[in-house]
Amino acid sequence: ETRARYDRLARDVAASLGLENHGQIGELTGTYLYSHPHTGLSGNARKTTHDALRQHRSVLWSVEQKGLRRVKRSLPFNDPKFPKQWHLQRNTHTPGMDLNVTGVWERGVTGKGVVVAVVDDGVEHTLPDLQSNYCAEGSYDLTDGDQDPRPGTGDQESRHGTRCAGEIAAVANNSLCGVGAAYDSRVAGIRLLDGPLTDHMEATAFNTHYQLNHIYSCSWGPDDDGKTVDGPHVLGQSALQRGVVGGRRGFGTIFVVASGNGGRYQDNCNYDGYANSIYTITIG
């Protein structure tokens, strides 16, 4: 009933101001996305529209959505043969320089029953080494607005999410490619980084199917140039908190983010608001 009441109120606000209502933003109760029906408005026209929205008696808060810059983090490997996946098992004269994950597998901990959502530029889930571990019901394409998170292009720039998915959940014992660190887990794809990006899109991604998906893997963030200080904006922060408090059927969503690759530029991961958030686990 609360959602229905907010939906009616949001429609009334849109109608009174001549705006288009795109619905609630993810799982953020009472938070809605509006747009002007005419694109290419001048700065003054945008300000007039925003002022009218902010001053509406039914609106407590509003912010204009602007494009965000987010950079994908590189992967530690791309060789498909397990014997060369040294981060999983280092079979050399220098033992110990790996994740020590094989002993965990021997105890029966292989990711079974866990769904990991890869929030990235898409997941090519039809690949033979991912197909049987793909979770369609946990996936979504925020770039194109459909259920299929496959990348939109075939170039090198749109393969990052697929590689991340393989690193997590590549199928074991199928005589193909390599093995994922959690090879019995299921992997969902949430396509976000393959086009223009805004705060409301990040917020939606962080809560997409957040009762089904247990872990959200985000191997991206602001520039690692040693000069950029950025992180989740107000909607993204609210969505992270919402997930940690109410996701995973009340146990809390687990958000895993990358610390970045800026060491050569004297960057510090504390400049990254995703990495230093109290709602995330950072891996370097």
Protein backbone atom coordinates (compact mmCIF):
# COMPACT_ATOMS: atom_id res chain seq x y z
CA GLU A 1 0.00 0.00 0.00
CA THR A 2 2.88 2.39 0.77
CA ARG A 3 4.44 1.77 -2.67
CA ALA A 4 1.09 2.33 -4.40
CA ARG A 5 0.57 5.58 -2.51
CA TYR A 6 4.01 6.85 -3.48
CA ASP A 7 3.43 5.79 -7.09
CA ARG A 8 0.21 7.81 -7.24
CA LEU A 9 1.92 10.81 -5.68
CA ALA A 10 4.81 10.56 -8.14
CA ARG A 11 2.39 10.47 -11.07
CA ASP A 12 0.58 13.54 -9.73
CA VAL A 13 3.85 15.46 -9.39
CA ALA A 14 4.85 14.58 -12.96
CA ALA A 15 1.47 15.58 -14.33
CA SER A 16 1.44 18.92 -12.51
CA LEU A 17 4.90 19.86 -13.81
CA GLY A 18 4.69 18.37 -17.31
CA LEU A 19 7.44 15.83 -16.65
CA GLU A 20 7.82 12.17 -17.61
CA ASN A 21 7.82 9.76 -14.66
CA HIS A 22 10.21 6.82 -15.13
CA GLY A 23 9.22 5.13 -11.88
CA GLN A 24 10.88 4.35 -8.58
CA ILE A 25 14.68 4.18 -8.60
CA GLY A 26 15.56 0.58 -7.75
CA GLU A 27 14.56 -0.25 -4.19
CA LEU A 28 14.74 3.34 -2.88
CA THR A 29 11.26 3.87 -1.47
CA GLY A 30 9.75 7.22 -2.39
CA THR A 31 12.60 8.12 -4.78
CA TYR A 32 11.60 8.61 -8.42
CA LEU A 33 13.26 9.52 -11.70
CA TYR A 34 11.76 12.28 -13.85
CA SER A 35 12.79 13.71 -17.19
CA HIS A 36 11.62 16.62 -19.32
CA PRO A 37 9.77 15.51 -22.48
CA HIS A 38 11.96 17.82 -24.59
CA THR A 39 15.67 17.05 -24.82
CA GLY A 40 18.41 19.60 -25.35
CA LEU A 41 17.05 22.22 -22.95
CA SER A 42 19.18 25.26 -22.26
CA GLY A 43 20.82 25.70 -18.88
CA ASN A 44 18.20 28.25 -17.83
CA ALA A 45 15.34 25.99 -18.88
CA ARG A 46 16.82 23.06 -16.94
CA LYS A 47 17.23 25.27 -13.88
CA THR A 48 13.63 26.48 -14.12
CA THR A 49 12.36 22.90 -14.34
CA HIS A 50 14.55 21.75 -11.46
CA ASP A 51 13.51 24.70 -9.30
CA ALA A 52 9.84 23.95 -9.93
CA LEU A 53 10.36 20.32 -8.95
CA ARG A 54 12.32 21.18 -5.83
CA GLN A 55 9.67 23.69 -4.71
CA HIS A 56 6.72 21.36 -5.26
CA ARG A 57 4.86 20.77 -2.01
CA SER A 58 5.09 16.97 -2.39
CA VAL A 59 8.85 16.90 -3.04
CA LEU A 60 11.27 16.76 -0.10
CA TRP A 61 14.50 16.60 -2.10
CA SER A 62 15.73 16.50 -5.70
CA VAL A 63 19.01 16.44 -7.60
CA GLU A 64 19.81 16.70 -11.29
CA GLN A 65 21.34 13.55 -12.78
CA LYS A 66 24.70 14.13 -14.48
CA GLY A 67 27.04 11.75 -16.26
CA LEU A 68 29.59 9.91 -14.12
CA ARG A 69 33.02 8.63 -15.15
CA ARG A 70 33.85 5.12 -13.96
CA VAL A 71 36.90 3.07 -15.01
CA LYS A 72 37.03 -0.73 -15.21
CA ARG A 73 39.73 -2.43 -13.13
CA SER A 74 42.06 -4.80 -14.98
CA LEU A 75 42.05 -8.51 -14.25
CA PRO A 76 44.95 -10.49 -12.78
CA PHE A 77 44.84 -13.10 -15.59
CA ASN A 78 43.28 -13.97 -18.92
CA ASP A 79 44.95 -17.30 -19.75
CA PRO A 80 42.32 -20.03 -20.09
CA LYS A 81 44.39 -23.00 -18.88
CA PHE A 82 44.10 -23.92 -15.23
CA PRO A 83 47.74 -25.02 -14.78
CA LYS A 84 48.70 -21.45 -15.62
CA GLN A 85 46.18 -19.92 -13.22
CA TRP A 86 48.90 -19.31 -10.66
CA HIS A 87 46.64 -17.17 -8.47
CA LEU A 88 44.58 -20.28 -7.74
CA GLN A 89 47.38 -22.82 -7.46
CA ARG A 90 51.06 -22.00 -7.83
CA ASN A 91 52.92 -25.13 -8.94
CA THR A 92 56.42 -23.69 -8.92
CA HIS A 93 59.48 -23.55 -6.69
CA THR A 94 57.87 -20.52 -4.97
CA PRO A 95 54.87 -21.98 -3.14
CA GLY A 96 52.37 -19.93 -1.25
CA MET A 97 51.98 -17.10 -3.75
CA ASP A 98 48.35 -17.88 -4.51
CA LEU A 99 44.87 -17.56 -2.99
CA ASN A 100 45.19 -20.82 -1.06
CA VAL A 101 41.78 -21.73 -2.41
CA THR A 102 42.39 -25.38 -3.30
CA GLY A 103 42.27 -26.40 0.35
CA VAL A 104 38.90 -24.69 0.65
CA TRP A 105 37.63 -26.65 -2.36
CA GLU A 106 38.80 -29.89 -0.72
CA ARG A 107 36.54 -29.06 2.24
CA GLY A 108 33.56 -28.81 -0.08
CA VAL A 109 33.36 -25.01 -0.21
CA THR A 110 32.99 -24.31 -3.93
CA GLY A 111 30.37 -21.56 -4.07
CA LYS A 112 27.42 -23.91 -4.35
CA GLY A 113 24.14 -22.13 -3.56
CA VAL A 114 25.63 -18.63 -3.95
CA VAL A 115 24.70 -16.15 -6.70
CA VAL A 116 27.31 -13.51 -7.58
CA ALA A 117 26.12 -10.53 -9.62
CA VAL A 118 28.85 -9.01 -11.80
CA VAL A 119 28.07 -5.30 -12.15
CA ASP A 120 30.11 -4.31 -15.18
CA ASP A 121 29.95 -3.82 -18.96
CA GLY A 122 27.97 -7.04 -19.49
CA VAL A 123 28.41 -10.80 -19.33
CA GLU A 124 28.60 -13.00 -22.43
CA HIS A 125 26.64 -15.77 -20.74
CA THR A 126 26.34 -17.98 -23.83
CA LEU A 127 30.02 -18.97 -23.62
CA PRO A 128 30.33 -22.73 -22.96
CA ASP A 129 32.43 -22.21 -19.82
CA LEU A 130 29.81 -19.90 -18.25
CA GLN A 131 26.50 -21.06 -19.66
CA SER A 132 25.57 -23.72 -17.11
CA ASN A 133 26.48 -21.42 -14.19
CA TYR A 134 24.58 -18.41 -15.53
CA CYS A 135 21.71 -17.01 -13.44
CA ALA A 136 19.28 -15.29 -15.80
CA GLU A 137 16.79 -14.41 -13.08
CA GLY A 138 19.41 -12.33 -11.25
CA SER A 139 20.48 -10.43 -14.37
CA TYR A 140 19.49 -7.16 -16.03
CA ASP A 141 20.74 -4.76 -18.70
CA LEU A 142 20.52 -1.18 -17.43
CA THR A 143 22.12 0.15 -20.61
CA ASP A 144 19.44 -1.17 -22.97
CA GLY A 145 16.65 -1.72 -20.44
CA ASP A 146 16.11 -5.45 -21.01
CA GLN A 147 16.79 -8.79 -19.33
CA ASP A 148 19.83 -9.79 -21.40
CA PRO A 149 23.14 -8.42 -20.01
CA ARG A 150 25.34 -9.42 -22.94
CA PRO A 151 27.76 -6.69 -24.07
CA GLY A 152 26.60 -4.56 -26.95
CA THR A 153 29.83 -4.73 -28.92
CA GLY A 154 32.47 -7.31 -29.66
CA ASP A 155 35.53 -5.18 -29.09
CA GLN A 156 38.12 -5.53 -26.36
CA GLU A 157 36.59 -2.74 -24.26
CA SER A 158 33.37 -4.69 -23.63
CA ARG A 159 34.87 -7.98 -22.39
CA HIS A 160 35.78 -6.91 -18.87
CA GLY A 161 32.60 -8.16 -17.19
CA THR A 162 32.76 -11.51 -18.97
CA ARG A 163 36.33 -12.03 -17.78
CA CYS A 164 35.31 -11.16 -14.23
CA ALA A 165 32.44 -13.65 -14.45
CA GLY A 166 34.83 -16.36 -15.64
CA GLU A 167 37.27 -15.60 -12.85
CA ILE A 168 34.42 -16.19 -10.41
CA ALA A 169 32.35 -19.01 -11.86
CA ALA A 170 33.97 -20.69 -14.86
CA VAL A 171 32.69 -24.27 -14.86
CA ALA A 172 35.07 -26.97 -13.61
CA ASN A 173 35.70 -30.42 -15.07
CA ASN A 174 34.17 -29.68 -18.48
CA SER A 175 37.43 -29.87 -20.47
CA LEU A 176 37.11 -26.19 -21.41
CA CYS A 177 39.26 -23.18 -20.59
CA GLY A 178 39.94 -22.60 -16.89
CA VAL A 179 38.28 -22.88 -13.48
CA GLY A 180 36.52 -20.19 -11.49
CA ALA A 181 37.51 -19.47 -7.90
CA ALA A 182 33.93 -20.40 -6.91
CA TYR A 183 33.21 -22.81 -9.74
CA ASP A 184 29.93 -24.14 -8.32
CA SER A 185 28.45 -20.68 -7.79
CA ARG A 186 26.02 -19.07 -10.20
CA VAL A 187 26.84 -15.77 -11.83
CA ALA A 188 24.41 -13.03 -12.87
CA GLY A 189 25.22 -10.08 -15.09
CA ILE A 190 24.12 -6.49 -14.47
CA ARG A 191 25.18 -4.44 -17.47
CA LEU A 192 26.00 -0.88 -16.42
CA LEU A 193 29.32 0.36 -17.83
CA ASP A 194 28.66 -0.01 -21.57
CA GLY A 195 27.16 3.46 -22.09
CA PRO A 196 26.30 6.73 -20.30
CA LEU A 197 26.21 6.35 -16.51
CA THR A 198 24.38 8.32 -13.81
CA ASP A 199 23.88 8.09 -10.07
CA HIS A 200 20.37 6.67 -10.42
CA MET A 201 21.68 3.88 -12.67
CA GLU A 202 24.31 2.89 -10.10
CA ALA A 203 21.66 2.90 -7.37
CA THR A 204 19.40 0.66 -9.44
CA ALA A 205 22.27 -1.73 -10.19
CA PHE A 206 23.22 -2.10 -6.52
CA ASN A 207 19.69 -3.26 -5.64
CA THR A 208 18.74 -5.20 -8.80
CA HIS A 209 17.27 -8.56 -7.71
CA TYR A 210 18.88 -7.95 -4.32
CA GLN A 211 16.95 -10.70 -2.58
CA LEU A 212 18.21 -13.30 -5.09
CA ASN A 213 21.78 -12.10 -5.64
CA HIS A 214 24.02 -12.63 -2.61
CA ILE A 215 27.21 -10.84 -3.69
CA TYR A 216 27.72 -7.88 -6.02
CA SER A 217 31.14 -7.81 -7.65
CA CYS A 218 32.18 -4.32 -8.82
CA SER A 219 35.65 -4.25 -10.42
CA TRP A 220 35.57 -0.57 -11.38
CA GLY A 221 35.57 2.88 -9.86
CA PRO A 222 36.87 6.44 -10.30
CA ASP A 223 40.10 7.19 -12.16
CA ASP A 224 43.23 5.86 -10.43
CA ASP A 225 45.32 8.85 -11.46
CA GLY A 226 46.28 10.04 -7.98
CA LYS A 227 44.21 13.20 -8.44
CA THR A 228 40.60 12.03 -8.54
CA VAL A 229 38.51 11.92 -5.37
CA ASP A 230 35.10 10.44 -6.13
CA GLY A 231 32.73 7.69 -5.10
CA PRO A 232 29.05 6.81 -4.93
CA HIS A 233 26.78 9.82 -4.98
CA VAL A 234 23.71 10.26 -2.82
CA LEU A 235 21.48 7.68 -4.56
CA GLY A 236 24.28 5.14 -4.86
CA GLN A 237 25.14 5.55 -1.18
CA SER A 238 21.50 5.03 -0.24
CA ALA A 239 21.32 1.89 -2.38
CA LEU A 240 24.47 0.44 -0.79
CA GLN A 241 23.00 1.02 2.65
CA ARG A 242 19.66 -0.40 1.57
CA GLY A 243 21.35 -3.56 0.32
CA VAL A 244 23.47 -4.09 3.41
CA VAL A 245 20.48 -3.59 5.71
CA GLY A 246 17.72 -5.37 3.77
CA GLY A 247 19.23 -7.44 0.97
CA ARG A 248 19.91 -11.18 0.80
CA ARG A 249 16.64 -11.96 2.59
CA GLY A 250 17.58 -9.89 5.60
CA PHE A 251 21.18 -11.14 5.92
CA GLY A 252 22.51 -8.17 3.96
CA THR A 253 23.96 -7.82 0.49
CA ILE A 254 27.74 -8.27 0.21
CA PHE A 255 29.34 -5.63 -2.01
CA VAL A 256 32.88 -6.44 -3.18
CA VAL A 257 34.85 -3.67 -4.90
CA ALA A 258 38.34 -3.36 -6.37
CA SER A 259 40.96 -1.20 -4.66
CA GLY A 260 42.27 -0.10 -8.04
CA ASN A 261 45.47 -0.05 -10.06
CA GLY A 262 46.85 3.39 -9.29
CA GLY A 263 50.04 2.52 -7.42
CA ARG A 264 52.24 3.69 -10.26
CA TYR A 265 50.57 7.10 -10.03
CA GLN A 266 50.92 7.34 -6.24
CA ASP A 267 47.17 6.92 -6.01
CA ASN A 268 45.55 5.98 -2.69
CA CYS A 269 42.47 3.77 -2.55
CA ASN A 270 41.10 6.01 0.20
CA TYR A 271 40.46 8.56 -2.56
CA ASP A 272 37.93 6.03 -3.88
CA GLY A 273 34.59 6.32 -2.11
CA TYR A 274 33.60 2.79 -3.14
CA ALA A 275 36.76 1.30 -1.67
CA ASN A 276 36.55 3.17 1.65
CA SER A 277 32.79 2.82 2.12
CA ILE A 278 31.62 1.10 5.30
CA TYR A 279 29.18 -0.85 3.13
CA THR A 280 31.76 -2.58 0.91
CA ILE A 281 34.58 -5.12 1.12
CA THR A 282 37.64 -3.95 -0.81
CA ILE A 283 40.00 -6.38 -2.53
CA GLY A 284 43.40 -5.36 -3.88
